[in-house]
């Protein structure tokens, strides 16, 4: 019996050894750090002449290019993420950069200080040298493009950075965990930027341009370090009034409209700017119709009024995108407007570009940038008319307008317009929303709110169709009186409403008059705006100016 026990003991020993070996291997597998090297091609996501791009330590989907010893970045990404002022004219293959007092031009033949091209064109994509971008952009650029895995780090977030010394050497891994592949190593004496701290692991950026995870025990105590920009931002000096603006537009479609100045302005009070609609674009080559009159300007100046000549894009022969997308055409138009200003002596230019499509937006904004330069040089006030901000018209880029132009005017009307549903032209909430939305992007010192001197008489026809006709406040008053329309105040709209039945159908009006205009003026004062603009001269009764004028005590 004792002899039979020996094999059993041996068998049990062997089983224990197998179990111990299995447990040991599992222990080693779980607790011994991996030395597997990461696939850096996959990690950075670049091959060949591609350059990985990090913005504020986040890897971007976009890729740069490394050509002739220099890194280039795609202009579309630059515009979206870093600096929207790099403008590429795809028609004339020209890079345009507008500064406050000059314009910088470059094409594919333009060389930088190193002798390399500033621009690379690859099929439909345009790339700018990183050095060029850095010259005009408030950001910090660090390139690791001499290594096999080329990458650049760009920082435009100037908050304090957390930096820590390396106390113990160790591996930097793709993820937090000892089994994650290794990207690089850290050594004592070096410093890292701490991006995120967890229980045991810390996400860092190393001095040699790797982002990954390291055990927190290998780092010393971190400290905040100030992140300071050395970039000198361009200064846009503005030409503005030394008093609140009270502007009225003087609409004219023929030259003899200038002769109505005396009679119409005599009906006003408190006006200090008049904007005649003198210029209308006529084609896509920068041509325009002019109704300008030097005598008009002289008479306005004698009455203490500034003249801001208006130019619009209302002609059906004009495609704003085509017109504005060629640098030579923009320059031709700007030069012609400056010649007009010199000839007629007006004091400013008012841009009234309406109905443009989103594709035209960047070209229109570039036009404003470029126009602002000679306006600034010649002391001309540049004002730009805008719709009330709503989803879908963000491409008017009010923020950039508010930087380069002198005044941004909100057209606080046409809430309900011809061809649409019946309703108020300018309810008080609509106006306030327009002001609030604009002030999110433009400083109040530059914001002018425009008010309507008109309303609409709406007709809901017996055929079920809705139509309207625009009518000035003075004539609207007379229409209400003549038809004995009973008016009811609507508090939520800040307007009187009235209706009557006719053979044509129901007619309705949301009336603009002293009380509704007064509420709008109260908003202008409440938000401490730069002033008011009024559409249009001649639509108003004389007594309305007591509500409009901003010079009253």
Protein backbone atom coordinates (compact mmCIF):
# COMPACT_ATOMS: atom_id res chain seq x y z
CA UNK A 1 0.00 0.00 0.00
CA UNK A 2 2.82 2.47 0.75
CA UNK A 3 4.47 1.79 -2.61
CA UNK A 4 1.27 2.79 -4.44
CA UNK A 5 1.20 6.18 -2.61
CA UNK A 6 4.44 7.36 -4.25
CA UNK A 7 3.05 7.77 -7.77
CA UNK A 8 0.05 9.61 -6.36
CA UNK A 9 2.31 12.08 -4.58
CA UNK A 10 4.36 12.59 -7.72
CA UNK A 11 1.23 13.19 -9.73
CA UNK A 12 -0.05 15.70 -7.24
CA UNK A 13 3.33 17.45 -7.33
CA UNK A 14 3.24 17.65 -11.08
CA UNK A 15 -0.28 19.08 -10.98
CA UNK A 16 0.83 21.66 -8.44
CA UNK A 17 3.78 22.60 -10.63
CA UNK A 18 1.50 23.02 -13.66
CA UNK A 19 -0.94 25.12 -11.65
CA UNK A 20 1.90 27.21 -10.23
CA UNK A 21 3.32 27.67 -13.69
CA UNK A 22 -0.07 28.72 -15.04
CA UNK A 23 -0.65 31.13 -12.15
CA UNK A 24 2.86 32.48 -12.52
CA UNK A 25 2.46 33.05 -16.23
CA UNK A 26 -0.86 34.81 -15.62
CA UNK A 27 0.83 36.89 -12.94
CA UNK A 28 3.63 37.82 -15.35
CA UNK A 29 1.12 38.53 -18.08
CA UNK A 30 -0.91 40.80 -15.84
CA UNK A 31 1.69 42.59 -13.77
CA UNK A 32 4.91 42.73 -15.78
CA UNK A 33 5.01 45.89 -17.97
CA UNK A 34 4.96 45.37 -21.71
CA UNK A 35 7.91 46.58 -23.77
CA UNK A 36 5.99 46.39 -27.06
CA UNK A 37 6.83 49.37 -29.26
CA UNK A 38 3.91 51.27 -30.77
CA UNK A 39 3.47 51.47 -34.52
CA UNK A 40 4.27 55.19 -34.85
CA UNK A 41 3.10 55.32 -38.46
CA UNK A 42 -0.33 54.29 -37.24
CA UNK A 43 -0.04 56.40 -34.09
CA UNK A 44 0.59 59.66 -35.96
CA UNK A 45 -1.46 58.65 -38.97
CA UNK A 46 1.02 59.96 -41.54
CA UNK A 47 2.98 58.45 -44.40
CA UNK A 48 5.38 59.75 -47.04
CA UNK A 49 5.60 63.55 -47.02
CA UNK A 50 2.58 64.00 -44.72
CA UNK A 51 2.91 65.90 -41.43
CA UNK A 52 0.74 65.21 -38.38
CA UNK A 53 -0.87 68.37 -37.02
CA UNK A 54 -1.69 68.91 -33.36
CA UNK A 55 -3.77 71.91 -32.26
CA UNK A 56 -3.72 72.61 -28.53
CA UNK A 57 -2.36 69.07 -28.09
CA UNK A 58 -5.23 67.45 -30.00
CA UNK A 59 -4.36 65.46 -33.12
CA UNK A 60 -6.22 66.86 -36.12
CA UNK A 61 -7.73 64.94 -39.01
CA UNK A 62 -6.03 67.29 -41.43
CA UNK A 63 -2.46 66.65 -42.56
CA UNK A 64 0.34 69.00 -43.47
CA UNK A 65 2.95 68.46 -46.17
CA UNK A 66 6.75 68.41 -45.90
CA UNK A 67 8.28 69.72 -49.12
CA UNK A 68 11.89 70.77 -49.71
CA UNK A 69 12.67 70.86 -46.01
CA UNK A 70 9.63 72.96 -45.08
CA UNK A 71 6.23 72.23 -43.56
CA UNK A 72 3.06 73.48 -45.24
CA UNK A 73 -0.46 73.62 -43.79
CA UNK A 74 -3.76 73.49 -45.73
CA UNK A 75 -5.38 76.92 -46.03
CA UNK A 76 -8.89 75.59 -45.46
CA UNK A 77 -7.86 74.28 -42.06
CA UNK A 78 -5.92 77.47 -41.32
CA UNK A 79 -9.01 79.56 -42.09
CA UNK A 80 -11.25 77.41 -39.95
CA UNK A 81 -8.98 76.85 -36.95
CA UNK A 82 -6.28 79.54 -36.85
CA UNK A 83 -6.67 82.62 -38.99
CA UNK A 84 -9.55 83.40 -41.36
CA UNK A 85 -7.76 86.38 -42.92
CA UNK A 86 -5.64 84.29 -45.27
CA UNK A 87 -7.71 84.69 -48.43
CA UNK A 88 -7.12 82.54 -51.49
CA UNK A 89 -8.32 83.91 -54.83
CA UNK A 90 -8.91 80.72 -56.81
CA UNK A 91 -9.64 82.70 -59.97
CA UNK A 92 -6.37 84.59 -60.08
CA UNK A 93 -4.36 82.04 -58.06
CA UNK A 94 -3.40 84.70 -55.56
CA UNK A 95 -3.03 84.76 -51.79
CA UNK A 96 -4.27 88.00 -50.25
CA UNK A 97 -3.77 89.12 -46.66
CA UNK A 98 -5.32 92.43 -45.61
CA UNK A 99 -3.62 94.30 -42.75
CA UNK A 100 -5.06 97.50 -41.23
CA UNK A 101 -3.01 99.72 -43.54
CA UNK A 102 -1.79 97.50 -46.39
CA UNK A 103 -2.38 94.33 -48.37
CA UNK A 104 0.11 91.50 -48.77
CA UNK A 105 -0.03 89.46 -51.99
CA UNK A 106 1.66 86.17 -52.87
CA UNK A 107 1.42 83.50 -55.54
CA UNK A 108 3.09 80.17 -56.22
CA UNK A 109 6.24 81.96 -57.40
CA UNK A 110 6.64 84.01 -54.22
CA UNK A 111 9.60 82.91 -52.10
CA UNK A 112 10.19 83.26 -48.40
CA UNK A 113 13.39 84.14 -46.54
CA UNK A 114 14.67 80.57 -46.94
CA UNK A 115 14.22 80.70 -50.70
CA UNK A 116 11.36 78.20 -50.63
CA UNK A 117 7.90 78.80 -52.03
CA UNK A 118 5.37 80.28 -49.63
CA UNK A 119 2.53 78.46 -51.37
CA UNK A 120 2.08 74.91 -52.63
CA UNK A 121 -0.86 74.02 -54.84
CA UNK A 122 -1.91 70.36 -54.85
CA UNK A 123 -4.92 69.65 -57.08
CA UNK A 124 -7.80 71.49 -55.36
CA UNK A 125 -5.91 72.16 -52.14
CA UNK A 126 -3.69 75.11 -51.31
CA UNK A 127 -0.97 74.86 -48.64
CA UNK A 128 0.82 77.74 -46.94
CA UNK A 129 4.29 77.55 -45.40
CA UNK A 130 4.11 77.29 -41.64
CA UNK A 131 6.50 80.23 -41.30
CA UNK A 132 4.15 82.44 -43.30
CA UNK A 133 1.21 81.44 -41.15
CA UNK A 134 3.20 82.05 -37.97
CA UNK A 135 4.09 85.59 -39.08
CA UNK A 136 0.45 86.66 -39.10
CA UNK A 137 -1.15 84.40 -36.49
CA UNK A 138 -1.42 84.62 -32.72
CA UNK A 139 -0.23 81.09 -32.02
CA UNK A 140 2.86 79.16 -30.98
CA UNK A 141 4.30 76.77 -33.60
CA UNK A 142 6.68 73.91 -32.76
CA UNK A 143 7.83 71.56 -35.53
CA UNK A 144 9.33 68.09 -35.23
CA UNK A 145 9.69 67.66 -38.96
CA UNK A 146 13.31 66.51 -39.03
CA UNK A 147 12.37 63.09 -37.66
CA UNK A 148 10.96 60.11 -39.52
CA UNK A 149 7.50 60.76 -38.11
CA UNK A 150 6.91 64.41 -38.92
CA UNK A 151 4.59 66.41 -36.72
CA UNK A 152 3.88 69.98 -35.67
CA UNK A 153 2.32 71.31 -32.51
CA UNK A 154 0.32 74.54 -32.67
CA UNK A 155 -1.00 76.30 -29.60
CA UNK A 156 -3.41 79.23 -29.66
CA UNK A 157 -4.81 78.65 -26.19
CA UNK A 158 -2.91 81.06 -23.97
CA UNK A 159 -4.06 79.67 -20.62
CA UNK A 160 -1.47 78.65 -18.02
CA UNK A 161 0.26 75.32 -18.64
CA UNK A 162 1.01 72.70 -15.99
CA UNK A 163 4.64 71.53 -16.14
CA UNK A 164 6.28 68.74 -14.13
CA UNK A 165 9.87 67.45 -13.75
CA UNK A 166 10.69 63.81 -14.53
CA UNK A 167 12.05 62.12 -11.39
CA UNK A 168 12.28 58.51 -12.63
CA UNK A 169 12.83 57.20 -16.14
CA UNK A 170 9.95 55.37 -17.72
CA UNK A 171 7.95 54.55 -20.78
CA UNK A 172 5.32 56.79 -22.34
CA UNK A 173 2.41 54.68 -23.56
CA UNK A 174 -0.45 55.17 -25.97
CA UNK A 175 -2.97 54.55 -23.18
CA UNK A 176 -2.87 54.44 -19.42
CA UNK A 177 -1.80 50.93 -18.45
CA UNK A 178 1.42 48.93 -18.36
CA UNK A 179 0.33 46.72 -21.25
CA UNK A 180 -0.23 49.60 -23.65
CA UNK A 181 2.38 49.97 -26.43
CA UNK A 182 5.31 52.33 -25.83
CA UNK A 183 5.76 55.48 -27.92
CA UNK A 184 8.85 57.01 -26.27
CA UNK A 185 10.81 57.25 -23.01
CA UNK A 186 11.27 59.96 -20.42
CA UNK A 187 14.48 60.53 -18.47
CA UNK A 188 15.23 62.29 -15.18
CA UNK A 189 16.13 65.93 -15.67
CA UNK A 190 13.62 66.49 -18.45
CA UNK A 191 10.25 68.23 -18.06
CA UNK A 192 6.85 67.37 -19.44
CA UNK A 193 3.59 69.23 -19.95
CA UNK A 194 0.77 67.71 -17.92
CA UNK A 195 -2.41 67.49 -19.96
CA UNK A 196 -4.59 65.37 -17.69
CA UNK A 197 -4.10 63.73 -14.28
CA UNK A 198 -5.78 60.48 -13.26
CA UNK A 199 -5.39 58.18 -10.26
CA UNK A 200 -2.16 56.45 -11.27
CA UNK A 201 -1.53 57.70 -14.77
CA UNK A 202 -0.87 61.12 -16.21
CA UNK A 203 -1.41 62.23 -19.79
CA UNK A 204 1.62 64.25 -20.86
CA UNK A 205 3.36 65.88 -23.78
CA UNK A 206 7.09 65.27 -23.87
CA UNK A 207 9.83 67.67 -24.89
CA UNK A 208 10.46 65.63 -28.03
CA UNK A 209 6.89 65.92 -29.25
CA UNK A 210 5.01 62.83 -28.07
CA UNK A 211 1.65 62.74 -26.32
CA UNK A 212 0.88 59.72 -24.17
CA UNK A 213 0.50 58.32 -20.68
CA UNK A 214 3.07 57.79 -17.93
CA UNK A 215 2.82 56.58 -14.36
CA UNK A 216 2.32 59.52 -12.03
CA UNK A 217 4.94 58.22 -9.59
CA UNK A 218 7.65 58.99 -12.14
CA UNK A 219 6.91 62.72 -12.07
CA UNK A 220 7.66 65.36 -9.49
CA UNK A 221 5.27 68.02 -8.28
CA UNK A 222 3.80 70.01 -11.15
CA UNK A 223 3.70 73.81 -11.31
CA UNK A 224 1.69 76.31 -13.32
CA UNK A 225 3.64 78.19 -15.96
CA UNK A 226 2.27 81.26 -17.68
CA UNK A 227 1.67 80.90 -21.40
CA UNK A 228 2.47 84.28 -22.92
CA UNK A 229 2.00 85.31 -26.52
CA UNK A 230 4.65 87.49 -28.13
CA UNK A 231 2.46 88.14 -31.17
CA UNK A 232 1.67 91.78 -31.91
CA UNK A 233 -1.94 91.90 -32.98
CA UNK A 234 -2.81 94.35 -35.76
CA UNK A 235 -4.46 97.53 -34.55
CA UNK A 236 -7.53 98.66 -36.48
CA UNK A 237 -8.05 102.36 -35.94
CA UNK A 238 -11.61 103.42 -36.55
CA UNK A 239 -13.16 106.61 -37.85
CA UNK A 240 -16.22 107.28 -35.74
CA UNK A 241 -18.53 110.11 -34.77
CA UNK A 242 -17.90 111.99 -31.54
CA UNK A 243 -21.62 111.81 -30.78
CA UNK A 244 -24.40 109.22 -31.16
CA UNK A 245 -25.26 108.60 -34.79
CA UNK A 246 -28.71 109.63 -36.01
CA UNK A 247 -28.72 108.55 -39.64
CA UNK A 248 -31.49 108.71 -42.21
CA UNK A 249 -31.35 107.04 -45.61
CA UNK A 250 -32.38 109.18 -48.55
CA UNK A 251 -33.59 106.84 -51.27
CA UNK A 252 -33.36 107.99 -54.85
CA UNK A 253 -33.46 106.13 -58.14
CA UNK A 254 -32.80 109.09 -60.43
CA UNK A 255 -30.43 112.04 -60.35
CA UNK A 256 -33.28 114.51 -59.82
CA UNK A 257 -33.84 112.90 -56.43
CA UNK A 258 -30.98 115.05 -55.15
CA UNK A 259 -33.22 118.10 -55.57
CA UNK A 260 -35.56 116.82 -52.84
CA UNK A 261 -32.88 117.19 -50.17
CA UNK A 262 -33.95 120.63 -48.90
CA UNK A 263 -37.64 119.89 -48.51
CA UNK A 264 -37.19 116.45 -46.96
CA UNK A 265 -34.43 117.35 -44.50
CA UNK A 266 -36.46 120.35 -43.32
CA UNK A 267 -38.97 117.86 -41.89
CA UNK A 268 -36.36 116.28 -39.58
CA UNK A 269 -34.82 117.04 -36.19
CA UNK A 270 -31.65 115.69 -34.61
CA UNK A 271 -30.26 114.07 -37.76
CA UNK A 272 -26.46 114.23 -38.09
CA UNK A 273 -25.85 111.75 -40.94
CA UNK A 274 -27.63 111.40 -44.26
CA UNK A 275 -27.02 108.43 -46.54
CA UNK A 276 -28.15 108.95 -50.14
CA UNK A 277 -28.58 105.77 -52.21
CA UNK A 278 -26.25 107.02 -54.93
CA UNK A 279 -24.47 103.91 -56.08
CA UNK A 280 -25.73 100.63 -57.48
CA UNK A 281 -23.54 97.90 -58.90
CA UNK A 282 -24.39 97.19 -62.52
CA UNK A 283 -22.26 94.20 -63.53
CA UNK A 284 -19.79 91.60 -62.27
CA UNK A 285 -16.75 93.65 -63.28
CA UNK A 286 -17.04 96.38 -60.63
CA UNK A 287 -19.10 98.83 -62.68
CA UNK A 288 -21.73 100.95 -60.95
CA UNK A 289 -24.36 103.59 -61.57
CA UNK A 290 -23.71 106.92 -59.87
CA UNK A 291 -26.20 109.60 -58.84
CA UNK A 292 -23.63 111.51 -56.77
CA UNK A 293 -23.98 115.29 -56.57
CA UNK A 294 -21.34 117.65 -55.18
CA UNK A 295 -23.90 120.37 -54.47
CA UNK A 296 -25.88 117.90 -52.34
CA UNK A 297 -22.80 117.30 -50.19
CA UNK A 298 -22.16 121.02 -49.81
CA UNK A 299 -25.73 121.66 -48.67
CA UNK A 300 -25.60 118.78 -46.20
CA UNK A 301 -22.31 120.02 -44.76
CA UNK A 302 -23.76 123.52 -44.32
CA UNK A 303 -26.50 121.98 -42.19
CA UNK A 304 -23.93 120.12 -40.10
CA UNK A 305 -24.68 116.73 -41.65
CA UNK A 306 -22.19 114.06 -42.63
CA UNK A 307 -22.83 112.27 -45.93
CA UNK A 308 -22.34 108.50 -46.10
CA UNK A 309 -22.87 107.46 -49.72
CA UNK A 310 -24.65 104.11 -50.06
CA UNK A 311 -23.77 101.40 -52.57
CA UNK A 312 -25.97 98.32 -53.11
CA UNK A 313 -25.99 95.06 -55.06
CA UNK A 314 -29.69 95.06 -55.96
CA UNK A 315 -29.32 94.78 -59.74
CA UNK A 316 -30.35 91.44 -61.20
CA UNK A 317 -27.27 91.70 -63.42
CA UNK A 318 -24.99 91.35 -60.41
CA UNK A 319 -23.81 88.07 -58.89
CA UNK A 320 -22.04 89.09 -55.70
CA UNK A 321 -19.99 85.89 -55.50
CA UNK A 322 -18.62 86.31 -59.02
CA UNK A 323 -17.99 90.02 -58.53
CA UNK A 324 -16.25 89.76 -55.19
CA UNK A 325 -14.24 86.59 -55.81
CA UNK A 326 -11.72 88.27 -58.12
CA UNK A 327 -9.05 90.39 -56.45
CA UNK A 328 -8.58 92.61 -59.49
CA UNK A 329 -12.32 93.36 -59.60
CA UNK A 330 -12.48 94.21 -55.91
CA UNK A 331 -9.51 96.53 -56.36
CA UNK A 332 -11.10 98.19 -59.39
CA UNK A 333 -14.32 98.83 -57.46
CA UNK A 334 -12.51 100.13 -54.38
CA UNK A 335 -10.32 102.47 -56.43
CA UNK A 336 -13.41 103.80 -58.21
CA UNK A 337 -15.21 104.45 -54.91
CA UNK A 338 -12.20 106.31 -53.55
CA UNK A 339 -12.15 108.44 -56.70
CA UNK A 340 -15.85 109.23 -56.17
CA UNK A 341 -15.20 110.24 -52.57
CA UNK A 342 -12.44 112.57 -53.68
CA UNK A 343 -14.58 114.07 -56.43
CA UNK A 344 -17.74 114.64 -54.42
CA UNK A 345 -16.35 115.08 -50.92
CA UNK A 346 -18.66 112.76 -49.03
CA UNK A 347 -17.67 111.56 -45.56
CA UNK A 348 -18.32 107.83 -45.59
CA UNK A 349 -19.47 104.75 -47.45
CA UNK A 350 -22.46 102.63 -46.48
CA UNK A 351 -22.54 99.07 -47.82
CA UNK A 352 -26.01 97.67 -48.42
CA UNK A 353 -25.37 94.22 -49.83
CA UNK A 354 -28.45 92.07 -49.42
CA UNK A 355 -29.57 88.65 -50.53
CA UNK A 356 -26.09 87.23 -50.93
CA UNK A 357 -25.60 83.49 -50.70
CA UNK A 358 -23.32 81.68 -48.28
CA UNK A 359 -20.77 80.99 -51.01
CA UNK A 360 -20.33 84.74 -51.47
CA UNK A 361 -19.74 85.38 -47.77
CA UNK A 362 -15.92 85.01 -47.59
CA UNK A 363 -15.46 87.14 -50.72
CA UNK A 364 -17.77 89.87 -49.42
CA UNK A 365 -15.93 89.98 -46.09
CA UNK A 366 -12.61 90.20 -47.93
CA UNK A 367 -14.01 93.16 -49.87
CA UNK A 368 -14.89 94.88 -46.59
CA UNK A 369 -11.38 94.24 -45.25
CA UNK A 370 -9.76 95.69 -48.35
CA UNK A 371 -12.17 98.64 -48.59
CA UNK A 372 -11.52 99.52 -44.95
CA UNK A 373 -7.85 100.28 -45.69
CA UNK A 374 -8.29 103.32 -47.99
CA UNK A 375 -11.30 104.41 -45.93
CA UNK A 376 -9.03 104.43 -42.86
CA UNK A 377 -6.31 106.30 -44.76
CA UNK A 378 -8.72 108.94 -46.05
CA UNK A 379 -10.81 109.41 -42.91
CA UNK A 380 -13.95 107.93 -44.49
CA UNK A 381 -16.45 106.20 -42.23
CA UNK A 382 -17.22 102.65 -43.36
CA UNK A 383 -20.59 101.28 -42.24
CA UNK A 384 -22.14 97.94 -43.17
CA UNK A 385 -25.84 97.05 -43.21
CA UNK A 386 -26.84 93.64 -41.84
CA UNK A 387 -29.90 91.55 -41.25
CA UNK A 388 -31.02 90.62 -37.77
CA UNK A 389 -28.87 87.59 -36.82
CA UNK A 390 -30.72 84.32 -37.43
CA UNK A 391 -29.53 80.79 -38.23
CA UNK A 392 -28.48 80.80 -41.85
CA UNK A 393 -26.96 84.28 -42.17
CA UNK A 394 -23.90 83.76 -39.97
CA UNK A 395 -21.71 84.01 -43.07
CA UNK A 396 -22.14 87.78 -43.00
CA UNK A 397 -19.46 87.42 -40.30
CA UNK A 398 -20.47 90.32 -38.07
CA UNK A 399 -17.52 89.66 -35.78
CA UNK A 400 -15.01 90.43 -38.53
CA UNK A 401 -17.11 93.37 -39.70
CA UNK A 402 -17.00 94.70 -36.15
CA UNK A 403 -13.19 94.64 -36.24
CA UNK A 404 -12.42 96.15 -39.63
CA UNK A 405 -15.45 98.42 -40.24
CA UNK A 406 -16.40 101.51 -38.26
CA UNK A 407 -20.09 100.77 -37.74
CA UNK A 408 -22.27 97.67 -38.05
CA UNK A 409 -25.89 98.54 -38.74
CA UNK A 410 -28.74 96.15 -37.86
CA UNK A 411 -31.68 96.42 -40.24
CA UNK A 412 -34.22 95.84 -37.48
CA UNK A 413 -37.18 95.40 -39.80
CA UNK A 414 -38.74 93.17 -42.47
CA UNK A 415 -39.61 90.64 -39.79
CA UNK A 416 -42.58 89.93 -42.04
CA UNK A 417 -42.01 90.86 -45.65
CA UNK A 418 -43.71 90.90 -49.03
CA UNK A 419 -44.43 87.38 -50.17
CA UNK A 420 -44.44 85.95 -46.66
CA UNK A 421 -46.96 85.54 -43.89
CA UNK A 422 -48.81 88.58 -42.57
CA UNK A 423 -47.37 90.13 -39.45
CA UNK A 424 -45.42 92.94 -37.89
CA UNK A 425 -42.61 94.57 -39.83
CA UNK A 426 -40.68 95.14 -36.63
CA UNK A 427 -42.00 93.82 -33.32
CA UNK A 428 -40.18 94.91 -30.18
CA UNK A 429 -38.91 91.38 -29.41
CA UNK A 430 -37.58 91.00 -32.94
CA UNK A 431 -35.65 94.24 -32.56
CA UNK A 432 -34.26 93.29 -29.16
CA UNK A 433 -33.21 89.86 -30.40
CA UNK A 434 -31.39 91.54 -33.26
CA UNK A 435 -29.53 93.82 -30.87
CA UNK A 436 -28.64 91.02 -28.47
CA UNK A 437 -27.46 88.75 -31.25
CA UNK A 438 -25.29 91.42 -32.80
CA UNK A 439 -23.76 92.45 -29.48
CA UNK A 440 -22.48 88.90 -29.03
CA UNK A 441 -20.06 89.61 -31.86
CA UNK A 442 -19.74 93.39 -32.18
CA UNK A 443 -18.88 95.94 -29.46
CA UNK A 444 -21.76 98.26 -28.63
CA UNK A 445 -19.70 101.31 -29.62
CA UNK A 446 -19.99 100.14 -33.23
CA UNK A 447 -23.59 98.95 -33.34
CA UNK A 448 -26.32 101.09 -34.89
CA UNK A 449 -29.90 99.83 -34.90
CA UNK A 450 -32.04 100.76 -37.87
CA UNK A 451 -35.77 101.35 -37.44
CA UNK A 452 -38.58 101.41 -40.02
CA UNK A 453 -40.43 104.56 -41.02
CA UNK A 454 -42.89 102.29 -42.81
CA UNK A 455 -45.34 99.48 -42.22
CA UNK A 456 -47.30 97.12 -44.42
CA UNK A 457 -50.98 96.97 -45.21
CA UNK A 458 -51.75 93.26 -45.50
CA UNK A 459 -54.61 91.84 -47.54
CA UNK A 460 -55.92 88.34 -46.97
CA UNK A 461 -57.77 87.98 -50.24
CA UNK A 462 -61.03 86.15 -50.87
CA UNK A 463 -58.95 83.76 -52.97
CA UNK A 464 -56.96 82.76 -49.88
CA UNK A 465 -53.79 84.51 -50.98
CA UNK A 466 -51.93 87.03 -48.81
CA UNK A 467 -50.37 90.17 -50.24
CA UNK A 468 -49.04 93.42 -48.86
CA UNK A 469 -48.00 96.92 -49.80
CA UNK A 470 -45.37 99.05 -48.08
CA UNK A 471 -46.56 102.38 -46.80
CA UNK A 472 -44.84 105.17 -44.88
CA UNK A 473 -45.87 106.07 -41.33
CA UNK A 474 -47.41 109.38 -42.39
CA UNK A 475 -49.57 107.70 -45.04
CA UNK A 476 -50.38 104.78 -42.74
CA UNK A 477 -51.79 107.24 -40.21
CA UNK A 478 -53.98 108.71 -42.93
CA UNK A 479 -55.11 105.24 -44.07
CA UNK A 480 -56.17 104.36 -40.52
CA UNK A 481 -58.04 107.66 -40.13
CA UNK A 482 -59.72 107.53 -43.52
CA UNK A 483 -60.93 103.95 -43.01
CA UNK A 484 -61.87 104.47 -39.35
CA UNK A 485 -59.75 101.48 -38.33
CA UNK A 486 -59.93 100.67 -34.65
CA UNK A 487 -56.48 100.07 -33.19
CA UNK A 488 -55.66 97.69 -30.33
CA UNK A 489 -52.36 97.79 -28.47
CA UNK A 490 -50.49 94.46 -28.47
CA UNK A 491 -48.09 94.50 -25.56
CA UNK A 492 -46.04 91.51 -26.66
CA UNK A 493 -45.38 93.13 -30.06
CA UNK A 494 -45.07 96.71 -28.87
CA UNK A 495 -47.47 97.87 -31.59
CA UNK A 496 -51.03 98.79 -32.39
CA UNK A 497 -52.98 96.34 -34.53
CA UNK A 498 -56.02 97.08 -36.64
CA UNK A 499 -58.09 95.40 -39.33
CA UNK A 500 -61.13 95.91 -41.51
CA UNK A 501 -63.17 93.94 -44.00
CA UNK A 502 -63.24 95.10 -47.63
CA UNK A 503 -64.44 93.70 -50.93
CA UNK A 504 -60.86 92.51 -51.53
CA UNK A 505 -60.80 90.61 -48.25
CA UNK A 506 -59.51 91.34 -44.75
CA UNK A 507 -56.96 94.12 -44.48
CA UNK A 508 -54.68 94.31 -41.46
CA UNK A 509 -51.95 96.59 -40.19
CA UNK A 510 -49.38 96.39 -37.42
CA UNK A 511 -48.83 100.10 -37.14
CA UNK A 512 -45.55 101.91 -36.67
CA UNK A 513 -46.08 105.24 -34.93
CA UNK A 514 -44.74 107.32 -32.03
CA UNK A 515 -45.33 104.73 -29.31
CA UNK A 516 -43.83 101.75 -31.16
CA UNK A 517 -40.88 103.81 -32.41
CA UNK A 518 -40.36 105.16 -28.88
CA UNK A 519 -40.02 101.61 -27.53
CA UNK A 520 -37.38 100.82 -30.15
CA UNK A 521 -35.49 103.99 -29.25
CA UNK A 522 -35.62 102.95 -25.60
CA UNK A 523 -33.83 99.72 -26.54
CA UNK A 524 -31.13 101.69 -28.34
CA UNK A 525 -30.59 103.74 -25.18
CA UNK A 526 -30.89 100.73 -22.88
CA UNK A 527 -28.15 98.83 -24.71
CA UNK A 528 -26.09 102.01 -25.09
CA UNK A 529 -25.67 101.57 -28.83
CA UNK A 530 -23.76 103.87 -31.14
CA UNK A 531 -26.94 105.25 -32.63
CA UNK A 532 -30.00 104.85 -34.81
CA UNK A 533 -30.59 104.65 -38.56
CA UNK A 534 -33.96 105.28 -40.21
CA UNK A 535 -35.45 103.91 -43.41
CA UNK A 536 -36.39 106.13 -45.09
CA UNK A 537 -36.41 109.93 -45.37
CA UNK A 538 -39.85 111.29 -46.35
CA UNK A 539 -41.87 108.42 -44.91
CA UNK A 540 -42.21 110.06 -41.52
CA UNK A 541 -44.41 112.80 -40.02
CA UNK A 542 -42.39 115.67 -38.59
CA UNK A 543 -43.50 115.06 -34.98
CA UNK A 544 -42.05 111.53 -35.05
CA UNK A 545 -38.55 112.98 -34.75
CA UNK A 546 -39.24 113.91 -31.15
CA UNK A 547 -39.17 110.18 -30.41
CA UNK A 548 -36.21 109.43 -32.67
CA UNK A 549 -33.72 112.15 -31.93
CA UNK A 550 -30.87 111.13 -29.64
CA UNK A 551 -29.69 114.62 -28.73
CA UNK A 552 -32.59 115.30 -26.38
CA UNK A 553 -31.90 115.61 -22.69
